[in-house]
Amino acid sequence: MPEVNVEINGRKYRMACEEGQQQHLIDLADRFNAQVEGLKGAIGEIGDGRLTVMAGIAVLDELAESERRIAALEQQVAELTRAGEALAEEIDQIEGRLAGKLGEAAAKLEAVAGAIDETAGQIPQA
């Protein structure tokens, strides 16, 4: 299992990860370190343990907000999907009615054409 070195709050840590996940782990550690450094800059030195816990809670707060937004977006997708399905059904019904009307119109045109042919056949040729 590959290992990578990361730095959080000035301390180096060797961490194991799955093959191919090395850069991802480094990127995550960099993001977490930025969170720790941001807190340290905002509230000052409060001890490594407390600072790390606060950074972890801040990250989880961001995660919870992201999960809430994802759930809301999933709800919107579901609503839009249902609306799209309802519209597709309505379109099918309209197409069916239109096809029926076109069939009726075609039948009437055929009847008119037949009547014209019949009338034309009754007119004496000069």
N, C-alpha and C. Protein backbone atom coordinates (compact mmCIF):
# COMPACT_ATOMS: atom_id res chain seq x y z
N MET A 1 0.85 -1.18 0.00
CA MET A 1 0.00 0.00 0.00
C MET A 1 0.90 1.23 0.00
N PRO A 2 0.67 2.14 -0.95
CA PRO A 2 1.52 3.34 -1.03
C PRO A 2 1.32 4.25 0.18
N GLU A 3 2.34 5.03 0.45
CA GLU A 3 2.28 6.00 1.54
C GLU A 3 2.65 7.37 0.98
N VAL A 4 2.07 8.41 1.59
CA VAL A 4 2.41 9.78 1.21
C VAL A 4 2.69 10.57 2.47
N ASN A 5 3.48 11.61 2.32
CA ASN A 5 3.74 12.52 3.44
C ASN A 5 2.88 13.75 3.26
N VAL A 6 2.16 14.11 4.32
CA VAL A 6 1.34 15.31 4.29
C VAL A 6 1.71 16.17 5.49
N GLU A 7 1.35 17.44 5.40
CA GLU A 7 1.65 18.36 6.50
C GLU A 7 0.36 19.06 6.91
N ILE A 8 0.06 18.95 8.20
CA ILE A 8 -1.11 19.61 8.78
C ILE A 8 -0.61 20.44 9.96
N ASN A 9 -0.87 21.72 9.91
CA ASN A 9 -0.51 22.63 11.00
C ASN A 9 0.98 22.54 11.36
N GLY A 10 1.81 22.43 10.33
CA GLY A 10 3.24 22.41 10.55
C GLY A 10 3.80 21.05 10.95
N ARG A 11 2.97 20.06 11.09
CA ARG A 11 3.43 18.72 11.45
C ARG A 11 3.30 17.79 10.25
N LYS A 12 4.31 16.96 10.10
CA LYS A 12 4.32 16.02 8.98
C LYS A 12 3.73 14.68 9.43
N TYR A 13 2.95 14.10 8.55
CA TYR A 13 2.31 12.81 8.82
C TYR A 13 2.52 11.92 7.61
N ARG A 14 2.83 10.64 7.88
CA ARG A 14 2.93 9.64 6.82
C ARG A 14 1.61 8.88 6.83
N MET A 15 0.96 8.86 5.67
CA MET A 15 -0.35 8.22 5.59
C MET A 15 -0.36 7.21 4.45
N ALA A 16 -1.04 6.10 4.69
CA ALA A 16 -1.20 5.07 3.67
C ALA A 16 -2.50 5.32 2.90
N CYS A 17 -2.50 4.90 1.65
CA CYS A 17 -3.70 5.05 0.83
C CYS A 17 -3.68 3.97 -0.24
N GLU A 18 -4.79 3.86 -0.94
CA GLU A 18 -4.87 2.88 -2.02
C GLU A 18 -4.05 3.37 -3.21
N GLU A 19 -3.60 2.42 -4.00
CA GLU A 19 -2.83 2.73 -5.20
C GLU A 19 -3.63 3.67 -6.09
N GLY A 20 -2.97 4.70 -6.57
CA GLY A 20 -3.62 5.67 -7.44
C GLY A 20 -4.32 6.80 -6.70
N GLN A 21 -4.39 6.72 -5.38
CA GLN A 21 -5.07 7.75 -4.59
C GLN A 21 -4.11 8.71 -3.91
N GLN A 22 -2.82 8.60 -4.23
CA GLN A 22 -1.82 9.42 -3.55
C GLN A 22 -2.09 10.91 -3.70
N GLN A 23 -2.27 11.37 -4.93
CA GLN A 23 -2.47 12.80 -5.15
C GLN A 23 -3.77 13.28 -4.52
N HIS A 24 -4.78 12.44 -4.57
CA HIS A 24 -6.06 12.79 -3.95
C HIS A 24 -5.89 13.00 -2.45
N LEU A 25 -5.16 12.12 -1.80
CA LEU A 25 -4.90 12.25 -0.36
C LEU A 25 -4.10 13.52 -0.07
N ILE A 26 -3.11 13.79 -0.88
CA ILE A 26 -2.31 15.02 -0.70
C ILE A 26 -3.21 16.25 -0.85
N ASP A 27 -4.08 16.24 -1.85
CA ASP A 27 -4.99 17.38 -2.07
C ASP A 27 -5.94 17.56 -0.89
N LEU A 28 -6.46 16.45 -0.37
CA LEU A 28 -7.35 16.53 0.80
C LEU A 28 -6.61 17.09 2.01
N ALA A 29 -5.39 16.62 2.21
CA ALA A 29 -4.60 17.12 3.34
C ALA A 29 -4.31 18.60 3.18
N ASP A 30 -4.03 19.03 1.96
CA ASP A 30 -3.79 20.46 1.71
C ASP A 30 -5.03 21.29 2.03
N ARG A 31 -6.19 20.77 1.64
CA ARG A 31 -7.44 21.50 1.94
C ARG A 31 -7.69 21.57 3.44
N PHE A 32 -7.44 20.45 4.13
CA PHE A 32 -7.65 20.44 5.58
C PHE A 32 -6.66 21.37 6.26
N ASN A 33 -5.42 21.35 5.80
CA ASN A 33 -4.40 22.24 6.36
C ASN A 33 -4.80 23.70 6.15
N ALA A 34 -5.36 24.01 4.99
CA ALA A 34 -5.81 25.38 4.73
C ALA A 34 -6.92 25.76 5.71
N GLN A 35 -7.78 24.80 6.03
CA GLN A 35 -8.85 25.05 7.01
C GLN A 35 -8.24 25.34 8.38
N VAL A 36 -7.27 24.53 8.77
CA VAL A 36 -6.60 24.73 10.07
C VAL A 36 -5.90 26.08 10.10
N GLU A 37 -5.16 26.38 9.04
CA GLU A 37 -4.44 27.65 8.99
C GLU A 37 -5.40 28.84 9.00
N GLY A 38 -6.52 28.70 8.32
CA GLY A 38 -7.52 29.76 8.33
C GLY A 38 -8.07 30.01 9.72
N LEU A 39 -8.35 28.94 10.43
CA LEU A 39 -8.84 29.09 11.81
C LEU A 39 -7.77 29.70 12.69
N LYS A 40 -6.54 29.23 12.51
CA LYS A 40 -5.45 29.76 13.32
C LYS A 40 -5.30 31.26 13.09
N GLY A 41 -5.42 31.68 11.83
CA GLY A 41 -5.33 33.09 11.52
C GLY A 41 -6.49 33.89 12.09
N ALA A 42 -7.66 33.27 12.17
CA ALA A 42 -8.86 33.97 12.65
C ALA A 42 -8.93 34.05 14.17
N ILE A 43 -8.53 32.96 14.84
CA ILE A 43 -8.70 32.94 16.30
C ILE A 43 -7.39 32.82 17.07
N GLY A 44 -6.30 32.64 16.37
CA GLY A 44 -5.00 32.57 17.03
C GLY A 44 -4.65 31.17 17.50
N GLU A 45 -3.54 31.06 18.22
CA GLU A 45 -3.06 29.78 18.75
C GLU A 45 -3.95 29.35 19.91
N ILE A 46 -4.60 28.22 19.76
CA ILE A 46 -5.44 27.70 20.84
C ILE A 46 -5.07 26.27 21.19
N GLY A 47 -3.98 25.81 20.67
CA GLY A 47 -3.56 24.43 20.91
C GLY A 47 -3.89 23.55 19.73
N ASP A 48 -2.96 22.64 19.43
CA ASP A 48 -3.11 21.80 18.24
C ASP A 48 -4.38 20.96 18.27
N GLY A 49 -4.63 20.33 19.39
CA GLY A 49 -5.80 19.45 19.48
C GLY A 49 -7.10 20.20 19.26
N ARG A 50 -7.26 21.30 19.95
CA ARG A 50 -8.49 22.09 19.84
C ARG A 50 -8.62 22.67 18.43
N LEU A 51 -7.52 23.14 17.89
CA LEU A 51 -7.54 23.71 16.54
C LEU A 51 -7.94 22.65 15.52
N THR A 52 -7.40 21.45 15.67
CA THR A 52 -7.72 20.36 14.74
C THR A 52 -9.19 19.96 14.87
N VAL A 53 -9.69 19.90 16.11
CA VAL A 53 -11.10 19.56 16.31
C VAL A 53 -12.00 20.62 15.68
N MET A 54 -11.66 21.88 15.89
CA MET A 54 -12.47 22.96 15.31
C MET A 54 -12.44 22.91 13.79
N ALA A 55 -11.27 22.63 13.22
CA ALA A 55 -11.16 22.52 11.76
C ALA A 55 -11.99 21.35 11.26
N GLY A 56 -11.93 20.23 11.98
CA GLY A 56 -12.73 19.06 11.59
C GLY A 56 -14.22 19.37 11.63
N ILE A 57 -14.66 20.06 12.67
CA ILE A 57 -16.07 20.42 12.78
C ILE A 57 -16.46 21.39 11.66
N ALA A 58 -15.58 22.33 11.35
CA ALA A 58 -15.86 23.27 10.26
C ALA A 58 -16.00 22.53 8.93
N VAL A 59 -15.13 21.56 8.71
CA VAL A 59 -15.20 20.78 7.47
C VAL A 59 -16.50 19.97 7.45
N LEU A 60 -16.88 19.38 8.58
CA LEU A 60 -18.13 18.62 8.63
C LEU A 60 -19.34 19.53 8.43
N ASP A 61 -19.24 20.77 8.91
CA ASP A 61 -20.32 21.73 8.68
C ASP A 61 -20.46 22.00 7.19
N GLU A 62 -19.35 22.18 6.51
CA GLU A 62 -19.38 22.38 5.05
C GLU A 62 -19.96 21.14 4.36
N LEU A 63 -19.57 19.96 4.84
CA LEU A 63 -20.08 18.72 4.27
C LEU A 63 -21.59 18.63 4.48
N ALA A 64 -22.06 18.96 5.69
CA ALA A 64 -23.50 18.90 5.96
C ALA A 64 -24.26 19.87 5.06
N GLU A 65 -23.73 21.06 4.86
CA GLU A 65 -24.37 22.04 3.98
C GLU A 65 -24.38 21.52 2.54
N SER A 66 -23.29 20.90 2.11
CA SER A 66 -23.24 20.33 0.76
C SER A 66 -24.26 19.20 0.61
N GLU A 67 -24.38 18.36 1.64
CA GLU A 67 -25.35 17.27 1.60
C GLU A 67 -26.78 17.83 1.54
N ARG A 68 -27.04 18.90 2.29
CA ARG A 68 -28.37 19.53 2.27
C ARG A 68 -28.67 20.06 0.87
N ARG A 69 -27.68 20.71 0.28
CA ARG A 69 -27.86 21.26 -1.07
C ARG A 69 -28.06 20.14 -2.09
N ILE A 70 -27.32 19.05 -1.94
CA ILE A 70 -27.47 17.91 -2.85
C ILE A 70 -28.88 17.34 -2.72
N ALA A 71 -29.36 17.18 -1.47
CA ALA A 71 -30.71 16.65 -1.26
C ALA A 71 -31.75 17.56 -1.91
N ALA A 72 -31.57 18.87 -1.77
CA ALA A 72 -32.51 19.82 -2.38
C ALA A 72 -32.46 19.71 -3.90
N LEU A 73 -31.26 19.58 -4.46
CA LEU A 73 -31.12 19.45 -5.91
C LEU A 73 -31.71 18.13 -6.40
N GLU A 74 -31.52 17.06 -5.62
CA GLU A 74 -32.12 15.77 -5.99
C GLU A 74 -33.63 15.88 -6.00
N GLN A 75 -34.19 16.61 -5.03
CA GLN A 75 -35.63 16.83 -4.98
C GLN A 75 -36.09 17.60 -6.22
N GLN A 76 -35.33 18.63 -6.59
CA GLN A 76 -35.68 19.40 -7.79
C GLN A 76 -35.60 18.53 -9.04
N VAL A 77 -34.58 17.69 -9.11
CA VAL A 77 -34.44 16.79 -10.27
C VAL A 77 -35.64 15.85 -10.33
N ALA A 78 -36.05 15.31 -9.18
CA ALA A 78 -37.20 14.41 -9.14
C ALA A 78 -38.47 15.13 -9.59
N GLU A 79 -38.66 16.36 -9.12
CA GLU A 79 -39.84 17.14 -9.51
C GLU A 79 -39.82 17.44 -11.00
N LEU A 80 -38.65 17.83 -11.51
CA LEU A 80 -38.54 18.13 -12.94
C LEU A 80 -38.74 16.87 -13.78
N THR A 81 -38.26 15.75 -13.29
CA THR A 81 -38.44 14.48 -14.00
C THR A 81 -39.92 14.14 -14.08
N ARG A 82 -40.63 14.28 -12.93
CA ARG A 82 -42.07 14.01 -12.93
C ARG A 82 -42.80 14.97 -13.87
N ALA A 83 -42.41 16.24 -13.85
CA ALA A 83 -43.04 17.22 -14.74
C ALA A 83 -42.77 16.87 -16.20
N GLY A 84 -41.55 16.46 -16.49
CA GLY A 84 -41.20 16.05 -17.86
C GLY A 84 -41.99 14.84 -18.30
N GLU A 85 -42.18 13.88 -17.39
CA GLU A 85 -42.97 12.69 -17.72
C GLU A 85 -44.42 13.07 -17.98
N ALA A 86 -44.96 13.99 -17.16
CA ALA A 86 -46.34 14.44 -17.36
C ALA A 86 -46.48 15.15 -18.70
N LEU A 87 -45.49 15.98 -19.05
CA LEU A 87 -45.53 16.67 -20.34
C LEU A 87 -45.43 15.68 -21.50
N ALA A 88 -44.59 14.68 -21.35
CA ALA A 88 -44.45 13.67 -22.40
C ALA A 88 -45.77 12.93 -22.60
N GLU A 89 -46.45 12.63 -21.49
CA GLU A 89 -47.75 11.97 -21.59
C GLU A 89 -48.78 12.89 -22.27
N GLU A 90 -48.76 14.15 -21.90
CA GLU A 90 -49.67 15.12 -22.51
C GLU A 90 -49.38 15.26 -24.01
N ILE A 91 -48.11 15.28 -24.37
CA ILE A 91 -47.73 15.36 -25.79
C ILE A 91 -48.25 14.14 -26.53
N ASP A 92 -48.11 12.95 -25.92
CA ASP A 92 -48.62 11.73 -26.56
C ASP A 92 -50.13 11.84 -26.79
N GLN A 93 -50.85 12.36 -25.79
CA GLN A 93 -52.30 12.51 -25.94
C GLN A 93 -52.64 13.51 -27.04
N ILE A 94 -51.93 14.62 -27.07
CA ILE A 94 -52.16 15.63 -28.11
C ILE A 94 -51.86 15.05 -29.49
N GLU A 95 -50.76 14.31 -29.59
CA GLU A 95 -50.42 13.69 -30.87
C GLU A 95 -51.50 12.72 -31.30
N GLY A 96 -52.04 11.97 -30.34
CA GLY A 96 -53.12 11.03 -30.66
C GLY A 96 -54.36 11.75 -31.16
N ARG A 97 -54.73 12.83 -30.46
CA ARG A 97 -55.89 13.61 -30.90
C ARG A 97 -55.64 14.23 -32.27
N LEU A 98 -54.43 14.75 -32.47
CA LEU A 98 -54.09 15.34 -33.76
C LEU A 98 -54.15 14.30 -34.87
N ALA A 99 -53.64 13.12 -34.61
CA ALA A 99 -53.69 12.05 -35.61
C ALA A 99 -55.14 11.71 -35.94
N GLY A 100 -55.99 11.69 -34.91
CA GLY A 100 -57.42 11.43 -35.14
C GLY A 100 -58.05 12.51 -35.99
N LYS A 101 -57.76 13.77 -35.68
CA LYS A 101 -58.31 14.89 -36.46
C LYS A 101 -57.80 14.86 -37.90
N LEU A 102 -56.51 14.54 -38.06
CA LEU A 102 -55.96 14.43 -39.41
C LEU A 102 -56.64 13.30 -40.18
N GLY A 103 -56.91 12.21 -39.49
CA GLY A 103 -57.62 11.09 -40.13
C GLY A 103 -59.02 11.50 -40.56
N GLU A 104 -59.71 12.25 -39.67
CA GLU A 104 -61.05 12.74 -40.01
C GLU A 104 -60.98 13.68 -41.21
N ALA A 105 -60.01 14.59 -41.20
CA ALA A 105 -59.86 15.54 -42.30
C ALA A 105 -59.56 14.80 -43.60
N ALA A 106 -58.71 13.79 -43.53
CA ALA A 106 -58.37 13.02 -44.73
C ALA A 106 -59.61 12.31 -45.27
N ALA A 107 -60.42 11.76 -44.36
CA ALA A 107 -61.64 11.08 -44.79
C ALA A 107 -62.60 12.06 -45.46
N LYS A 108 -62.73 13.25 -44.89
CA LYS A 108 -63.60 14.27 -45.49
C LYS A 108 -63.08 14.69 -46.86
N LEU A 109 -61.77 14.88 -46.97
CA LEU A 109 -61.18 15.25 -48.27
C LEU A 109 -61.41 14.15 -49.30
N GLU A 110 -61.29 12.91 -48.88
CA GLU A 110 -61.53 11.79 -49.80
C GLU A 110 -63.00 11.78 -50.23
N ALA A 111 -63.89 12.07 -49.28
CA ALA A 111 -65.32 12.12 -49.63
C ALA A 111 -65.59 13.25 -50.61
N VAL A 112 -64.99 14.41 -50.37
CA VAL A 112 -65.16 15.55 -51.28
C VAL A 112 -64.58 15.20 -52.65
N ALA A 113 -63.41 14.59 -52.66
CA ALA A 113 -62.79 14.21 -53.94
C ALA A 113 -63.66 13.20 -54.67
N GLY A 114 -64.23 12.26 -53.91
CA GLY A 114 -65.14 11.28 -54.53
C GLY A 114 -66.37 11.96 -55.10
N ALA A 115 -66.91 12.93 -54.36
CA ALA A 115 -68.10 13.65 -54.84
C ALA A 115 -67.76 14.45 -56.09
N ILE A 116 -66.58 15.06 -56.11
CA ILE A 116 -66.16 15.82 -57.29
C ILE A 116 -66.02 14.89 -58.48
N ASP A 117 -65.41 13.73 -58.26
CA ASP A 117 -65.25 12.76 -59.35
C ASP A 117 -66.63 12.32 -59.86
N GLU A 118 -67.53 12.07 -58.94
CA GLU A 118 -68.86 11.61 -59.32
C GLU A 118 -69.59 12.71 -60.10
N THR A 119 -69.49 13.94 -59.61
CA THR A 119 -70.13 15.06 -60.28
C THR A 119 -69.50 15.28 -61.65
N ALA A 120 -68.21 15.16 -61.72
CA ALA A 120 -67.51 15.35 -62.99
C ALA A 120 -67.93 14.28 -63.98
N GLY A 121 -68.21 13.09 -63.49
CA GLY A 121 -68.63 12.01 -64.37
C GLY A 121 -70.03 12.24 -64.91
N GLN A 122 -70.83 13.04 -64.24
CA GLN A 122 -72.20 13.29 -64.67
C GLN A 122 -72.30 14.47 -65.63
N ILE A 123 -71.27 15.24 -65.75
CA ILE A 123 -71.27 16.39 -66.65
C ILE A 123 -70.99 15.88 -68.06
N PRO A 124 -71.88 16.24 -69.02
CA PRO A 124 -71.65 15.77 -70.39
C PRO A 124 -70.38 16.40 -70.97
N GLN A 125 -69.70 15.62 -71.70
CA GLN A 125 -68.48 16.08 -72.35
C GLN A 125 -68.86 16.82 -73.63
N ALA A 126 -68.24 17.90 -73.89
CA ALA A 126 -68.57 18.65 -75.09
C ALA A 126 -67.70 18.30 -76.25
